Structure formats: structure tokens, C-alpha cells
């Protein structure tokens, strides 16, 4: 019978991971698979992460200064 245990833990110094469970018998052979959660990227980092994104953001900032590119919306008309 195969039993699975899922736990979240924090990686310690020098990459050490500890897993404790009464379901793990002493001396048992186990397979361990580790999935590292990606670090969250803030919006500014994402927008500046590629050349295409940087160019698009730069163009959008330029357009902010050009009133002819603005679209006015009356919320009462929505």
C-alpha cells in the first residue's frame, strides 16, 4: 500500500528540509519530491522584465502626456 504525506515547510540553512510525521515508520525507505514555490513578482518588476514590456510601458507613459490620446468617459452614461 502506498501512503502519501503532503507538508509545507521552510528550507533551513544550507538547504536543509525536515519532515516529521507519526505515519513515517522508523527505517522506512521513502521517496521525497520537493516543489519550490516561485517568488511573487510585483507588477513593476513584471512590466520591466522584458524589452517588449519596457517599450510598451514607455509608450503608455508618453501617451499620458498627449491629451489627443485620452478618452473621456462619463460614468453616468455607462
C-alpha atoms as a PDB file:
ATOM      1  CA  UNK A   1       0.000   0.000   0.000  1.00  0.00           C
ATOM      2  CA  UNK A   2       1.325   3.446  -0.963  1.00  0.00           C
ATOM      3  CA  UNK A   3       0.776   6.261   1.511  1.00  0.00           C
ATOM      4  CA  UNK A   4       1.397   9.896   0.688  1.00  0.00           C
ATOM      5  CA  UNK A   5       2.134  12.731   3.053  1.00  0.00           C
ATOM      6  CA  UNK A   6       1.989  16.358   1.980  1.00  0.00           C
ATOM      7  CA  UNK A   7       3.555  19.023   4.175  1.00  0.00           C
ATOM      8  CA  UNK A   8       4.673  22.613   3.749  1.00  0.00           C
ATOM      9  CA  UNK A   9       7.907  23.573   5.412  1.00  0.00           C
ATOM     10  CA  UNK A  10      10.589  26.234   5.285  1.00  0.00           C
ATOM     11  CA  UNK A  11      14.017  25.446   3.892  1.00  0.00           C
ATOM     12  CA  UNK A  12      16.606  25.907   6.607  1.00  0.00           C
ATOM     13  CA  UNK A  13      20.267  26.803   6.484  1.00  0.00           C
ATOM     14  CA  UNK A  14      22.311  25.149   3.733  1.00  0.00           C
ATOM     15  CA  UNK A  15      19.111  23.844   2.109  1.00  0.00           C
ATOM     16  CA  UNK A  16      18.083  21.561   4.973  1.00  0.00           C
ATOM     17  CA  UNK A  17      14.455  20.339   4.990  1.00  0.00           C
ATOM     18  CA  UNK A  18      12.883  18.457   7.897  1.00  0.00           C
ATOM     19  CA  UNK A  19       9.743  16.308   7.631  1.00  0.00           C
ATOM     20  CA  UNK A  20       8.139  14.811  10.717  1.00  0.00           C
ATOM     21  CA  UNK A  21       5.104  12.538  10.794  1.00  0.00           C
ATOM     22  CA  UNK A  22       3.963   9.676  13.004  1.00  0.00           C
ATOM     23  CA  UNK A  23       2.914   7.987   9.735  1.00  0.00           C
ATOM     24  CA  UNK A  24       6.583   7.579   8.789  1.00  0.00           C
ATOM     25  CA  UNK A  25       7.876   4.373  10.342  1.00  0.00           C
ATOM     26  CA  UNK A  26      11.477   4.430  11.521  1.00  0.00           C
ATOM     27  CA  UNK A  27      13.813   2.869   8.968  1.00  0.00           C
ATOM     28  CA  UNK A  28      11.296   3.001   6.083  1.00  0.00           C
ATOM     29  CA  UNK A  29      12.618   3.745   2.592  1.00  0.00           C
ATOM     30  CA  UNK A  30      10.802   6.801   1.164  1.00  0.00           C
ATOM     31  CA  UNK A  31      10.889   8.937  -1.976  1.00  0.00           C
ATOM     32  CA  UNK A  32      10.971  12.693  -1.428  1.00  0.00           C
ATOM     33  CA  UNK A  33       9.875  15.173  -4.103  1.00  0.00           C
ATOM     34  CA  UNK A  34      10.308  18.887  -3.427  1.00  0.00           C
ATOM     35  CA  UNK A  35       8.396  21.620  -5.267  1.00  0.00           C
ATOM     36  CA  UNK A  36       9.789  25.112  -4.675  1.00  0.00           C
ATOM     37  CA  UNK A  37       7.101  27.803  -4.769  1.00  0.00           C
ATOM     38  CA  UNK A  38       8.051  30.639  -7.122  1.00  0.00           C
ATOM     39  CA  UNK A  39       8.711  34.019  -5.602  1.00  0.00           C
ATOM     40  CA  UNK A  40       5.951  36.506  -6.320  1.00  0.00           C
ATOM     41  CA  UNK A  41       6.932  39.205  -8.768  1.00  0.00           C
ATOM     42  CA  UNK A  42       5.474  42.651  -8.221  1.00  0.00           C
ATOM     43  CA  UNK A  43       3.776  44.494 -11.086  1.00  0.00           C
ATOM     44  CA  UNK A  44       6.671  46.891 -11.680  1.00  0.00           C
ATOM     45  CA  UNK A  45       9.213  44.061 -11.935  1.00  0.00           C
ATOM     46  CA  UNK A  46       6.938  42.237 -14.372  1.00  0.00           C
ATOM     47  CA  UNK A  47       6.375  45.317 -16.526  1.00  0.00           C
ATOM     48  CA  UNK A  48      10.122  45.888 -16.748  1.00  0.00           C
ATOM     49  CA  UNK A  49      11.070  42.201 -17.116  1.00  0.00           C
ATOM     50  CA  UNK A  50      11.353  42.124 -20.926  1.00  0.00           C
ATOM     51  CA  UNK A  51      12.338  44.611 -23.609  1.00  0.00           C
ATOM     52  CA  UNK A  52       8.866  44.403 -25.196  1.00  0.00           C
ATOM     53  CA  UNK A  53       7.211  45.172 -21.853  1.00  0.00           C
ATOM     54  CA  UNK A  54       9.591  48.085 -21.222  1.00  0.00           C
ATOM     55  CA  UNK A  55       8.824  49.560 -24.664  1.00  0.00           C
ATOM     56  CA  UNK A  56       5.065  49.154 -24.167  1.00  0.00           C
ATOM     57  CA  UNK A  57       5.238  50.823 -20.738  1.00  0.00           C
ATOM     58  CA  UNK A  58       7.377  53.662 -22.098  1.00  0.00           C
ATOM     59  CA  UNK A  59       4.883  54.265 -24.942  1.00  0.00           C
ATOM     60  CA  UNK A  60       1.964  54.248 -22.486  1.00  0.00           C
ATOM     61  CA  UNK A  61       3.742  56.837 -20.317  1.00  0.00           C
ATOM     62  CA  UNK A  62       4.359  59.036 -23.379  1.00  0.00           C
ATOM     63  CA  UNK A  63       0.675  58.733 -24.349  1.00  0.00           C
ATOM     64  CA  UNK A  64      -0.326  60.009 -20.899  1.00  0.00           C
ATOM     65  CA  UNK A  65       1.231  63.346 -21.794  1.00  0.00           C
ATOM     66  CA  UNK A  66      -0.700  63.598 -25.092  1.00  0.00           C
ATOM     67  CA  UNK A  67      -4.300  64.784 -24.485  1.00  0.00           C
ATOM     68  CA  UNK A  68      -5.296  63.782 -28.038  1.00  0.00           C
ATOM     69  CA  UNK A  69      -4.817  60.147 -26.983  1.00  0.00           C
ATOM     70  CA  UNK A  70      -7.107  60.453 -23.932  1.00  0.00           C
ATOM     71  CA  UNK A  71     -10.631  59.035 -23.968  1.00  0.00           C
ATOM     72  CA  UNK A  72     -13.106  60.757 -21.691  1.00  0.00           C
ATOM     73  CA  UNK A  73     -15.905  58.621 -20.259  1.00  0.00           C
ATOM     74  CA  UNK A  74     -18.894  59.927 -18.350  1.00  0.00           C
ATOM     75  CA  UNK A  75     -19.676  57.311 -15.706  1.00  0.00           C
ATOM     76  CA  UNK A  76     -23.339  58.360 -15.703  1.00  0.00           C
ATOM     77  CA  UNK A  77     -23.559  57.210 -19.340  1.00  0.00           C
ATOM     78  CA  UNK A  78     -22.451  53.680 -18.507  1.00  0.00           C
END
